Amino acid sequence: MNLIMKGFALLATTALIVLSSCSKKADPDTSLFRNSGNNLPSASADGFNSGTEDDLSLAGDPLLGSVNNDLLAPRSDALDAFSDPLNTTRPFESVYFGFDQYNINSSEREKLVEIAEFLQTNPKAKLLIEGYCDWKGTPAYNKSLGDRRATTVKSYLTDLGGDPARIETVSIGDESAIPNADTNQARLDRRAAFVITKGI
């Protein structure tokens, strides 16, 4: 009889342990986000704030912010018509070249007269000439050809009265060319493009 009582006590103890370990615990995924206002918490110095919605609205929209007008103050009046907040613009048409050529066609020279006149009437403006090529040829050859195109245009602008100290060149080569472009597309890649920047 004593043995039966001991066995019954052992069985009852085991059952209590098993039942207590099976009790439902709080789900950790949802308990983290519960707070008094049923709002999602937001970050603060100690990890979470009080969870009120007003905490975020006080900061305003971080993407809009306020505009610092001082950054725009040194802008040249001559560039105002272009409405470019970065103080750089591409107001002029590109000059196009023949296949594997860097000489300036007579039909393209009038574009350069306009640019030279702009530089003469706007002594604080600077000009960057970018030389481009189509996809044909090696990258090294096209880099060199792009440089010759930009340099030839700079020389022509200097002959028209442009200040060479305010004209820079860079070769883009075929880096932005359309791969396997047809004849019409490739013609548009063979160019010198112009970026006007504000001189300080």
N, C-alpha and C. Protein backbone atom coordinates (compact mmCIF):
# COMPACT_ATOMS: atom_id res chain seq x y z
N MET A 1 0.82 -1.19 0.00
CA MET A 1 0.00 0.00 0.00
C MET A 1 0.86 1.25 0.00
N ASN A 2 1.89 1.21 0.81
CA ASN A 2 2.83 2.33 0.90
C ASN A 2 3.50 2.56 -0.45
N LEU A 3 3.79 1.50 -1.14
CA LEU A 3 4.42 1.58 -2.44
C LEU A 3 3.46 2.22 -3.46
N ILE A 4 2.16 1.91 -3.36
CA ILE A 4 1.17 2.48 -4.27
C ILE A 4 1.05 3.98 -4.02
N MET A 5 1.08 4.40 -2.76
CA MET A 5 0.98 5.81 -2.42
C MET A 5 2.19 6.59 -2.95
N LYS A 6 3.37 6.00 -2.82
CA LYS A 6 4.57 6.66 -3.33
C LYS A 6 4.50 6.79 -4.85
N GLY A 7 4.02 5.74 -5.52
CA GLY A 7 3.90 5.78 -6.98
C GLY A 7 2.89 6.83 -7.42
N PHE A 8 1.74 6.91 -6.66
CA PHE A 8 0.72 7.90 -6.98
C PHE A 8 1.26 9.33 -6.78
N ALA A 9 2.03 9.54 -5.72
CA ALA A 9 2.61 10.87 -5.44
C ALA A 9 3.60 11.25 -6.54
N LEU A 10 4.40 10.28 -6.96
CA LEU A 10 5.38 10.54 -8.03
C LEU A 10 4.66 10.87 -9.34
N LEU A 11 3.58 10.15 -9.63
CA LEU A 11 2.82 10.40 -10.84
C LEU A 11 2.15 11.78 -10.79
N ALA A 12 1.63 12.17 -9.65
CA ALA A 12 0.99 13.47 -9.50
C ALA A 12 2.01 14.60 -9.65
N THR A 13 3.20 14.43 -9.10
CA THR A 13 4.25 15.45 -9.20
C THR A 13 4.69 15.61 -10.66
N THR A 14 4.86 14.52 -11.35
CA THR A 14 5.27 14.55 -12.76
C THR A 14 4.21 15.26 -13.60
N ALA A 15 2.94 14.95 -13.32
CA ALA A 15 1.85 15.57 -14.06
C ALA A 15 1.82 17.08 -13.84
N LEU A 16 2.07 17.52 -12.59
CA LEU A 16 2.10 18.96 -12.30
C LEU A 16 3.23 19.65 -13.05
N ILE A 17 4.39 19.01 -13.11
CA ILE A 17 5.55 19.61 -13.82
C ILE A 17 5.24 19.74 -15.31
N VAL A 18 4.68 18.70 -15.88
CA VAL A 18 4.36 18.72 -17.31
C VAL A 18 3.31 19.78 -17.60
N LEU A 19 2.27 19.86 -16.80
CA LEU A 19 1.21 20.83 -17.03
C LEU A 19 1.70 22.26 -16.84
N SER A 20 2.56 22.49 -15.86
CA SER A 20 3.06 23.85 -15.65
C SER A 20 3.99 24.29 -16.78
N SER A 21 4.72 23.37 -17.38
CA SER A 21 5.60 23.74 -18.49
C SER A 21 4.82 23.99 -19.78
N CYS A 22 3.59 23.52 -19.86
CA CYS A 22 2.77 23.70 -21.04
C CYS A 22 1.90 24.95 -20.99
N SER A 23 1.98 25.73 -19.94
CA SER A 23 1.14 26.92 -19.85
C SER A 23 1.56 27.92 -20.93
N LYS A 24 0.60 28.69 -21.48
CA LYS A 24 0.86 29.63 -22.58
C LYS A 24 1.67 30.81 -22.08
N LYS A 25 2.74 31.11 -22.81
CA LYS A 25 3.58 32.26 -22.51
C LYS A 25 3.28 33.37 -23.51
N ALA A 26 3.66 34.57 -23.15
CA ALA A 26 3.44 35.71 -24.06
C ALA A 26 4.26 35.54 -25.31
N ASP A 27 3.68 35.83 -26.43
CA ASP A 27 4.37 35.76 -27.71
C ASP A 27 5.39 36.89 -27.79
N PRO A 28 6.69 36.58 -27.88
CA PRO A 28 7.70 37.64 -27.85
C PRO A 28 7.61 38.58 -29.04
N ASP A 29 7.09 38.11 -30.19
CA ASP A 29 7.01 38.97 -31.36
C ASP A 29 5.99 40.09 -31.18
N THR A 30 4.89 39.79 -30.44
CA THR A 30 3.87 40.83 -30.28
C THR A 30 4.02 41.58 -28.98
N SER A 31 4.59 40.96 -27.96
CA SER A 31 4.67 41.64 -26.68
C SER A 31 5.64 42.82 -26.73
N LEU A 32 6.59 42.78 -27.63
CA LEU A 32 7.53 43.90 -27.75
C LEU A 32 6.85 45.18 -28.19
N PHE A 33 5.77 45.03 -28.98
CA PHE A 33 5.14 46.21 -29.56
C PHE A 33 3.90 46.68 -28.80
N ARG A 34 3.60 46.06 -27.67
CA ARG A 34 2.45 46.50 -26.91
C ARG A 34 2.83 47.65 -26.00
N ASN A 35 2.04 48.67 -26.00
CA ASN A 35 2.21 49.74 -25.04
C ASN A 35 0.85 50.33 -24.74
N SER A 36 0.82 51.29 -23.86
CA SER A 36 -0.47 51.77 -23.36
C SER A 36 -1.33 52.39 -24.44
N GLY A 37 -0.73 52.97 -25.47
CA GLY A 37 -1.53 53.67 -26.47
C GLY A 37 -1.79 52.85 -27.71
N ASN A 38 -1.35 51.57 -27.74
CA ASN A 38 -1.48 50.71 -28.91
C ASN A 38 -0.81 51.32 -30.15
N ASN A 39 0.20 52.17 -29.93
CA ASN A 39 0.97 52.74 -31.04
C ASN A 39 2.31 52.05 -31.12
N LEU A 40 2.86 51.99 -32.29
CA LEU A 40 4.19 51.42 -32.41
C LEU A 40 5.21 52.36 -31.81
N PRO A 41 6.17 51.81 -31.07
CA PRO A 41 7.19 52.68 -30.48
C PRO A 41 8.15 53.15 -31.54
N SER A 42 8.78 54.29 -31.29
CA SER A 42 9.82 54.77 -32.17
C SER A 42 11.10 54.92 -31.38
N ALA A 43 12.21 55.08 -32.09
CA ALA A 43 13.50 55.08 -31.44
C ALA A 43 13.72 56.33 -30.61
N SER A 44 14.45 56.16 -29.51
CA SER A 44 14.90 57.28 -28.70
C SER A 44 16.25 56.90 -28.13
N ALA A 45 16.78 57.70 -27.23
CA ALA A 45 18.11 57.44 -26.69
C ALA A 45 18.16 56.11 -25.95
N ASP A 46 17.06 55.72 -25.26
CA ASP A 46 17.07 54.46 -24.51
C ASP A 46 16.45 53.32 -25.31
N GLY A 47 16.21 53.51 -26.58
CA GLY A 47 15.72 52.44 -27.43
C GLY A 47 14.28 52.63 -27.86
N PHE A 48 13.41 53.13 -26.97
CA PHE A 48 12.00 53.35 -27.32
C PHE A 48 11.52 54.63 -26.67
N ASN A 49 10.54 55.25 -27.27
CA ASN A 49 9.94 56.42 -26.63
C ASN A 49 8.61 56.01 -26.02
N SER A 50 7.81 56.97 -25.64
CA SER A 50 6.54 56.66 -24.97
C SER A 50 5.51 56.08 -25.91
N GLY A 51 5.75 56.10 -27.21
CA GLY A 51 4.83 55.51 -28.16
C GLY A 51 3.73 56.45 -28.61
N THR A 52 3.82 57.72 -28.29
CA THR A 52 2.78 58.65 -28.73
C THR A 52 3.09 59.13 -30.13
N GLU A 53 2.08 59.38 -30.90
CA GLU A 53 2.25 59.80 -32.29
C GLU A 53 2.86 61.19 -32.39
N ASP A 54 2.64 62.04 -31.38
CA ASP A 54 3.13 63.41 -31.45
C ASP A 54 4.64 63.51 -31.46
N ASP A 55 5.33 62.44 -30.97
CA ASP A 55 6.79 62.51 -30.90
C ASP A 55 7.40 62.69 -32.28
N LEU A 56 6.83 62.04 -33.29
CA LEU A 56 7.39 62.14 -34.64
C LEU A 56 6.99 63.44 -35.32
N SER A 57 5.80 63.93 -35.06
CA SER A 57 5.34 65.12 -35.76
C SER A 57 6.10 66.36 -35.34
N LEU A 58 6.67 66.35 -34.14
CA LEU A 58 7.41 67.52 -33.68
C LEU A 58 8.67 67.75 -34.50
N ALA A 59 9.24 66.67 -35.03
CA ALA A 59 10.50 66.79 -35.77
C ALA A 59 10.30 67.34 -37.18
N GLY A 60 9.08 67.24 -37.71
CA GLY A 60 8.85 67.70 -39.08
C GLY A 60 9.28 66.64 -40.07
N ASP A 61 9.17 66.94 -41.32
CA ASP A 61 9.55 66.00 -42.36
C ASP A 61 11.03 66.14 -42.66
N PRO A 62 11.84 65.09 -42.36
CA PRO A 62 13.28 65.22 -42.58
C PRO A 62 13.66 65.35 -44.03
N LEU A 63 12.77 64.93 -44.95
CA LEU A 63 13.11 65.04 -46.37
C LEU A 63 12.89 66.44 -46.91
N LEU A 64 11.94 67.16 -46.33
CA LEU A 64 11.67 68.50 -46.81
C LEU A 64 12.66 69.50 -46.22
N GLY A 65 12.74 69.54 -44.91
CA GLY A 65 13.68 70.43 -44.24
C GLY A 65 13.50 71.88 -44.65
N SER A 66 14.42 72.70 -44.25
CA SER A 66 14.37 74.10 -44.65
C SER A 66 15.48 74.37 -45.65
N VAL A 67 15.24 75.26 -46.58
CA VAL A 67 16.22 75.59 -47.61
C VAL A 67 17.18 76.63 -47.07
N ASN A 68 18.47 76.36 -47.26
CA ASN A 68 19.48 77.32 -46.85
C ASN A 68 19.73 78.26 -48.03
N ASN A 69 19.13 79.42 -47.98
CA ASN A 69 19.24 80.37 -49.10
C ASN A 69 20.66 80.87 -49.30
N ASP A 70 21.51 80.76 -48.29
CA ASP A 70 22.88 81.21 -48.44
C ASP A 70 23.64 80.41 -49.50
N LEU A 71 23.24 79.15 -49.68
CA LEU A 71 23.92 78.32 -50.68
C LEU A 71 23.65 78.82 -52.09
N LEU A 72 22.51 79.47 -52.27
CA LEU A 72 22.15 79.95 -53.61
C LEU A 72 22.58 81.40 -53.85
N ALA A 73 23.02 82.07 -52.81
CA ALA A 73 23.33 83.50 -52.91
C ALA A 73 24.40 83.83 -53.95
N PRO A 74 25.51 83.05 -54.07
CA PRO A 74 26.56 83.46 -55.01
C PRO A 74 26.24 83.19 -56.47
N ARG A 75 25.05 82.72 -56.76
CA ARG A 75 24.69 82.37 -58.14
C ARG A 75 24.82 83.57 -59.08
N SER A 76 25.34 83.30 -60.26
CA SER A 76 25.51 84.35 -61.27
C SER A 76 24.16 84.74 -61.84
N ASP A 77 23.92 86.04 -61.99
CA ASP A 77 22.68 86.52 -62.58
C ASP A 77 22.50 86.01 -64.00
N ALA A 78 23.60 85.80 -64.69
CA ALA A 78 23.52 85.35 -66.08
C ALA A 78 22.93 83.95 -66.19
N LEU A 79 23.01 83.16 -65.11
CA LEU A 79 22.52 81.80 -65.15
C LEU A 79 21.10 81.66 -64.60
N ASP A 80 20.51 82.75 -64.14
CA ASP A 80 19.19 82.68 -63.53
C ASP A 80 18.14 82.12 -64.49
N ALA A 81 18.27 82.40 -65.75
CA ALA A 81 17.28 81.94 -66.72
C ALA A 81 17.26 80.42 -66.83
N PHE A 82 18.34 79.77 -66.43
CA PHE A 82 18.41 78.32 -66.57
C PHE A 82 17.78 77.58 -65.39
N SER A 83 17.50 78.29 -64.28
CA SER A 83 16.83 77.72 -63.11
C SER A 83 17.49 76.43 -62.64
N ASP A 84 18.76 76.45 -62.44
CA ASP A 84 19.49 75.27 -62.00
C ASP A 84 20.02 75.50 -60.60
N PRO A 85 19.46 74.84 -59.56
CA PRO A 85 19.88 75.10 -58.19
C PRO A 85 21.30 74.65 -57.89
N LEU A 86 21.87 73.76 -58.71
CA LEU A 86 23.24 73.31 -58.47
C LEU A 86 24.26 74.24 -59.11
N ASN A 87 23.78 75.28 -59.77
CA ASN A 87 24.64 76.27 -60.40
C ASN A 87 25.47 75.69 -61.54
N THR A 88 25.00 74.65 -62.14
CA THR A 88 25.59 74.12 -63.38
C THR A 88 24.43 73.91 -64.35
N THR A 89 24.72 74.02 -65.60
CA THR A 89 23.64 73.86 -66.58
C THR A 89 24.21 73.46 -67.94
N ARG A 90 23.34 72.93 -68.77
CA ARG A 90 23.69 72.54 -70.14
C ARG A 90 22.78 73.30 -71.10
N PRO A 91 22.99 74.61 -71.25
CA PRO A 91 22.07 75.39 -72.07
C PRO A 91 22.36 75.32 -73.57
N PHE A 92 23.49 74.73 -73.94
CA PHE A 92 23.89 74.78 -75.35
C PHE A 92 23.77 73.42 -76.01
N GLU A 93 23.51 73.45 -77.30
CA GLU A 93 23.44 72.22 -78.09
C GLU A 93 24.83 71.60 -78.21
N SER A 94 24.85 70.27 -78.28
CA SER A 94 26.11 69.56 -78.50
C SER A 94 26.60 69.81 -79.92
N VAL A 95 27.91 69.69 -80.09
CA VAL A 95 28.53 69.76 -81.41
C VAL A 95 28.81 68.32 -81.84
N TYR A 96 28.37 67.95 -83.04
CA TYR A 96 28.50 66.57 -83.50
C TYR A 96 29.63 66.43 -84.51
N PHE A 97 30.22 65.22 -84.51
CA PHE A 97 31.38 64.92 -85.35
C PHE A 97 31.08 63.75 -86.27
N GLY A 98 31.84 63.67 -87.36
CA GLY A 98 31.75 62.52 -88.24
C GLY A 98 32.41 61.31 -87.60
N PHE A 99 32.23 60.15 -88.22
CA PHE A 99 32.81 58.92 -87.70
C PHE A 99 34.33 59.02 -87.66
N ASP A 100 34.90 58.77 -86.49
CA ASP A 100 36.35 58.77 -86.27
C ASP A 100 36.99 60.12 -86.61
N GLN A 101 36.22 61.20 -86.44
CA GLN A 101 36.70 62.55 -86.76
C GLN A 101 36.71 63.42 -85.50
N TYR A 102 37.60 64.42 -85.53
CA TYR A 102 37.59 65.42 -84.46
C TYR A 102 37.64 66.84 -85.01
N ASN A 103 37.62 66.96 -86.34
CA ASN A 103 37.53 68.30 -86.93
C ASN A 103 36.08 68.78 -86.86
N ILE A 104 35.90 70.10 -86.71
CA ILE A 104 34.57 70.67 -86.53
C ILE A 104 33.96 71.00 -87.89
N ASN A 105 32.83 70.40 -88.19
CA ASN A 105 32.14 70.67 -89.45
C ASN A 105 31.63 72.11 -89.47
N SER A 106 31.58 72.70 -90.65
CA SER A 106 31.13 74.09 -90.78
C SER A 106 29.70 74.26 -90.27
N SER A 107 28.88 73.21 -90.39
CA SER A 107 27.48 73.30 -89.94
C SER A 107 27.38 73.37 -88.41
N GLU A 108 28.44 72.99 -87.71
CA GLU A 108 28.42 72.97 -86.25
C GLU A 108 29.06 74.22 -85.63
N ARG A 109 29.74 75.02 -86.43
CA ARG A 109 30.52 76.14 -85.89
C ARG A 109 29.66 77.26 -85.32
N GLU A 110 28.45 77.44 -85.85
CA GLU A 110 27.57 78.50 -85.35
C GLU A 110 27.22 78.26 -83.88
N LYS A 111 27.12 76.99 -83.47
CA LYS A 111 26.85 76.68 -82.07
C LYS A 111 27.98 77.20 -81.17
N LEU A 112 29.20 77.11 -81.67
CA LEU A 112 30.35 77.55 -80.87
C LEU A 112 30.44 79.06 -80.80
N VAL A 113 29.97 79.75 -81.83
CA VAL A 113 29.93 81.22 -81.78
C VAL A 113 29.03 81.67 -80.63
N GLU A 114 27.89 81.02 -80.47
CA GLU A 114 26.96 81.35 -79.38
C GLU A 114 27.62 81.14 -78.01
N ILE A 115 28.34 80.04 -77.87
CA ILE A 115 29.00 79.75 -76.59
C ILE A 115 30.10 80.77 -76.30
N ALA A 116 30.88 81.12 -77.31
CA ALA A 116 31.95 82.10 -77.13
C ALA A 116 31.38 83.45 -76.71
N GLU A 117 30.28 83.85 -77.32
CA GLU A 117 29.64 85.12 -76.94
C GLU A 117 29.14 85.08 -75.51
N PHE A 118 28.60 83.95 -75.10
CA PHE A 118 28.15 83.81 -73.71
C PHE A 118 29.32 83.97 -72.74
N LEU A 119 30.44 83.33 -73.04
CA LEU A 119 31.61 83.43 -72.16
C LEU A 119 32.14 84.86 -72.08
N GLN A 120 32.10 85.58 -73.18
CA GLN A 120 32.58 86.96 -73.19
C GLN A 120 31.68 87.89 -72.39
N THR A 121 30.39 87.66 -72.43
CA THR A 121 29.46 88.53 -71.71
C THR A 121 29.23 88.09 -70.26
N ASN A 122 29.76 86.92 -69.89
CA ASN A 122 29.61 86.40 -68.53
C ASN A 122 30.98 85.96 -68.00
N PRO A 123 31.80 86.92 -67.57
CA PRO A 123 33.19 86.61 -67.21
C PRO A 123 33.36 85.72 -65.98
N LYS A 124 32.31 85.49 -65.19
CA LYS A 124 32.43 84.60 -64.04
C LYS A 124 32.05 83.16 -64.36
N ALA A 125 31.44 82.95 -65.51
CA ALA A 125 31.03 81.60 -65.89
C ALA A 125 32.24 80.81 -66.38
N LYS A 126 32.22 79.50 -66.08
CA LYS A 126 33.26 78.60 -66.58
C LYS A 126 32.60 77.54 -67.45
N LEU A 127 33.38 76.97 -68.35
CA LEU A 127 32.86 76.00 -69.30
C LEU A 127 33.63 74.70 -69.18
N LEU A 128 32.90 73.60 -69.13
CA LEU A 128 33.49 72.27 -69.19
C LEU A 128 33.04 71.63 -70.50
N ILE A 129 34.00 71.19 -71.31
CA ILE A 129 33.70 70.52 -72.58
C ILE A 129 33.94 69.03 -72.39
N GLU A 130 32.91 68.22 -72.67
CA GLU A 130 32.99 66.77 -72.54
C GLU A 130 33.06 66.15 -73.93
N GLY A 131 34.09 65.35 -74.18
CA GLY A 131 34.25 64.68 -75.47
C GLY A 131 33.71 63.25 -75.41
N TYR A 132 32.78 62.94 -76.31
CA TYR A 132 32.13 61.62 -76.35
C TYR A 132 32.42 60.90 -77.66
N CYS A 133 32.31 59.56 -77.62
CA CYS A 133 32.50 58.73 -78.81
C CYS A 133 31.41 57.67 -78.86
N ASP A 134 31.26 57.05 -80.06
CA ASP A 134 30.32 55.94 -80.17
C ASP A 134 31.00 54.66 -79.69
N TRP A 135 30.31 53.54 -79.80
CA TRP A 135 30.77 52.27 -79.23
C TRP A 135 31.87 51.59 -80.04
N LYS A 136 32.09 52.01 -81.26
CA LYS A 136 33.08 51.34 -82.11
C LYS A 136 34.49 51.74 -81.69
N GLY A 137 35.40 50.80 -81.71
CA GLY A 137 36.78 51.06 -81.31
C GLY A 137 37.04 50.62 -79.88
N THR A 138 38.30 50.62 -79.50
CA THR A 138 38.67 50.20 -78.14
C THR A 138 38.41 51.35 -77.17
N PRO A 139 38.20 51.04 -75.89
CA PRO A 139 38.01 52.10 -74.91
C PRO A 139 39.18 53.09 -74.86
N ALA A 140 40.40 52.59 -74.99
CA ALA A 140 41.57 53.48 -74.95
C ALA A 140 41.58 54.42 -76.16
N TYR A 141 41.28 53.89 -77.34
CA TYR A 141 41.24 54.73 -78.54
C TYR A 141 40.14 55.78 -78.43
N ASN A 142 38.97 55.36 -77.96
CA ASN A 142 37.85 56.30 -77.83
C ASN A 142 38.10 57.36 -76.76
N LYS A 143 38.83 57.00 -75.73
CA LYS A 143 39.18 57.99 -74.71
C LYS A 143 40.08 59.06 -75.33
N SER A 144 41.02 58.63 -76.14
CA SER A 144 41.91 59.57 -76.82
C SER A 144 41.15 60.42 -77.84
N LEU A 145 40.23 59.80 -78.58
CA LEU A 145 39.45 60.53 -79.57
C LEU A 145 38.53 61.56 -78.89
N GLY A 146 37.93 61.17 -77.78
CA GLY A 146 37.10 62.11 -77.02
C GLY A 146 37.90 63.30 -76.53
N ASP A 147 39.13 63.05 -76.15
CA ASP A 147 40.01 64.15 -75.70
C ASP A 147 40.34 65.08 -76.88
N ARG A 148 40.62 64.51 -78.04
CA ARG A 148 40.91 65.34 -79.21
C ARG A 148 39.71 66.18 -79.61
N ARG A 149 38.52 65.62 -79.52
CA ARG A 149 37.31 66.38 -79.84
C ARG A 149 37.13 67.55 -78.89
N ALA A 150 37.26 67.29 -77.59
CA ALA A 150 37.09 68.36 -76.60
C ALA A 150 38.17 69.43 -76.75
N THR A 151 39.40 69.01 -77.00
CA THR A 151 40.51 69.95 -77.15
C THR A 151 40.36 70.82 -78.40
N THR A 152 39.89 70.22 -79.50
CA THR A 152 39.66 70.97 -80.73
C THR A 152 38.59 72.04 -80.53
N VAL A 153 37.53 71.68 -79.81
CA VAL A 153 36.46 72.64 -79.54
C VAL A 153 36.98 73.77 -78.65
N LYS A 154 37.79 73.44 -77.65
CA LYS A 154 38.37 74.48 -76.78
C LYS A 154 39.22 75.43 -77.60
N SER A 155 40.04 74.89 -78.48
CA SER A 155 40.89 75.72 -79.31
C SER A 155 40.07 76.66 -80.20
N TYR A 156 38.97 76.15 -80.75
CA TYR A 156 38.12 76.97 -81.60
C TYR A 156 37.46 78.09 -80.78
N LEU A 157 36.99 77.76 -79.58
CA LEU A 157 36.38 78.77 -78.72
C LEU A 157 37.39 79.83 -78.31
N THR A 158 38.63 79.43 -78.09
CA THR A 158 39.69 80.38 -77.74
C THR A 158 39.95 81.33 -78.91
N ASP A 159 39.95 80.78 -80.13
CA ASP A 159 40.13 81.62 -81.32
C ASP A 159 38.98 82.63 -81.47
N LEU A 160 37.80 82.27 -80.95
CA LEU A 160 36.65 83.18 -81.02
C LEU A 160 36.62 84.20 -79.87
N GLY A 161 37.64 84.16 -79.01
CA GLY A 161 37.73 85.13 -77.92
C GLY A 161 37.40 84.58 -76.55
N GLY A 162 37.16 83.27 -76.44
CA GLY A 162 36.92 82.67 -75.13
C GLY A 162 38.20 82.62 -74.31
N ASP A 163 38.07 82.81 -73.00
CA ASP A 163 39.22 82.79 -72.09
C ASP A 163 39.61 81.34 -71.82
N PRO A 164 40.80 80.89 -72.26
CA PRO A 164 41.18 79.49 -72.07
C PRO A 164 41.29 79.09 -70.60
N ALA A 165 41.52 80.06 -69.71
CA ALA A 165 41.62 79.75 -68.29
C ALA A 165 40.27 79.36 -67.69
N ARG A 166 39.20 79.69 -68.40
CA ARG A 166 37.85 79.36 -67.90
C ARG A 166 37.21 78.22 -68.69
N ILE A 167 38.02 77.53 -69.51
CA ILE A 167 37.52 76.42 -70.31
C ILE A 167 38.31 75.17 -69.96
N GLU A 168 37.62 74.14 -69.50
CA GLU A 168 38.25 72.87 -69.15
C GLU A 168 37.73 71.78 -70.09
N THR A 169 38.50 70.72 -70.24
CA THR A 169 38.06 69.61 -71.09
C THR A 169 38.15 68.30 -70.32
N VAL A 170 37.31 67.36 -70.69
CA VAL A 170 37.36 66.00 -70.14
C VAL A 170 36.89 65.05 -71.23
N SER A 171 37.52 63.90 -71.31
CA SER A 171 37.10 62.89 -72.28
C SER A 171 36.25 61.84 -71.58
N ILE A 172 35.04 61.65 -72.08
CA ILE A 172 34.16 60.59 -71.58
C ILE A 172 34.38 59.33 -72.41
N GLY A 173 34.88 59.51 -73.64
CA GLY A 173 35.11 58.36 -74.53
C GLY A 173 33.81 57.66 -74.85
N ASP A 174 33.84 56.32 -74.77
CA ASP A 174 32.63 55.54 -75.09
C ASP A 174 31.91 55.05 -73.83
N GLU A 175 32.23 55.65 -72.68
CA GLU A 175 31.66 55.18 -71.42
C GLU A 175 30.14 55.25 -71.37
N SER A 176 29.54 56.20 -72.04
CA SER A 176 28.08 56.30 -72.03
C SER A 176 27.48 56.01 -73.39
N ALA A 177 28.26 55.42 -74.28
CA ALA A 177 27.77 55.12 -75.64
C ALA A 177 26.75 53.98 -75.60
N ILE A 178 25.83 54.01 -76.55
CA ILE A 178 24.84 52.94 -76.68
C ILE A 178 25.53 51.75 -77.34
N PRO A 179 25.59 50.59 -76.67
CA PRO A 179 26.27 49.42 -77.27
C PRO A 179 25.55 48.96 -78.54
N ASN A 180 26.33 48.66 -79.56
CA ASN A 180 25.79 48.16 -80.84
C ASN A 180 24.72 49.08 -81.43
N ALA A 181 24.91 50.37 -81.25
CA ALA A 181 23.93 51.34 -81.75
C ALA A 181 23.90 51.33 -83.27
N ASP A 182 22.73 51.64 -83.82
CA ASP A 182 22.64 51.76 -85.27
C ASP A 182 23.27 53.10 -85.70
N THR A 183 23.26 53.38 -86.98
CA THR A 183 23.95 54.55 -87.52
C THR A 183 23.44 55.86 -86.92
N ASN A 184 22.13 56.00 -86.81
CA ASN A 184 21.56 57.24 -86.28
C ASN A 184 21.86 57.43 -84.80
N GLN A 185 21.77 56.35 -84.02
CA GLN A 185 22.07 56.43 -82.59
C GLN A 185 23.55 56.71 -82.36
N ALA A 186 24.41 56.05 -83.13
CA ALA A 186 25.85 56.23 -82.97
C ALA A 186 26.26 57.66 -83.31
N ARG A 187 25.59 58.27 -84.27
CA ARG A 187 25.91 59.65 -84.64
C ARG A 187 25.71 60.59 -83.45
N LEU A 188 24.69 60.32 -82.64
CA LEU A 188 24.42 61.16 -81.47
C LEU A 188 25.47 60.98 -80.37
N ASP A 189 26.16 59.84 -80.38
CA ASP A 189 27.22 59.60 -79.39
C ASP A 189 28.52 60.31 -79.75
N ARG A 190 28.70 60.69 -81.00
CA ARG A 190 29.93 61.35 -81.45
C ARG A 190 29.77 62.85 -81.29
N ARG A 191 30.10 63.37 -80.10
CA ARG A 191 29.77 64.77 -79.83
C ARG A 191 30.71 65.37 -78.80
N ALA A 192 30.63 66.70 -78.72
CA ALA A 192 31.19 67.45 -77.60
C ALA A 192 30.00 68.12 -76.92
N ALA A 193 29.88 67.91 -75.62
CA ALA A 193 28.78 68.50 -74.85
C ALA A 193 29.35 69.56 -73.92
N PHE A 194 28.50 70.47 -73.48
CA PHE A 194 28.96 71.64 -72.73
C PHE A 194 28.23 71.78 -71.39
N VAL A 195 29.01 72.03 -70.35
CA VAL A 195 28.45 72.30 -69.03
C VAL A 195 28.96 73.66 -68.59
N ILE A 196 28.03 74.57 -68.32
CA ILE A 196 28.40 75.89 -67.82
C ILE A 196 28.33 75.85 -66.29
N THR A 197 29.39 76.29 -65.64
CA THR A 197 29.42 76.34 -64.18
C THR A 197 29.71 77.76 -63.73
N LYS A 198 29.27 78.06 -62.54
CA LYS A 198 29.49 79.39 -61.96
C LYS A 198 30.90 79.47 -61.41
N GLY A 199 31.65 80.46 -61.83
CA GLY A 199 32.98 80.68 -61.28
C GLY A 199 32.89 81.45 -59.97
N ILE A 200 33.76 81.14 -59.03
CA ILE A 200 33.76 81.82 -57.71
C ILE A 200 34.88 82.83 -57.64
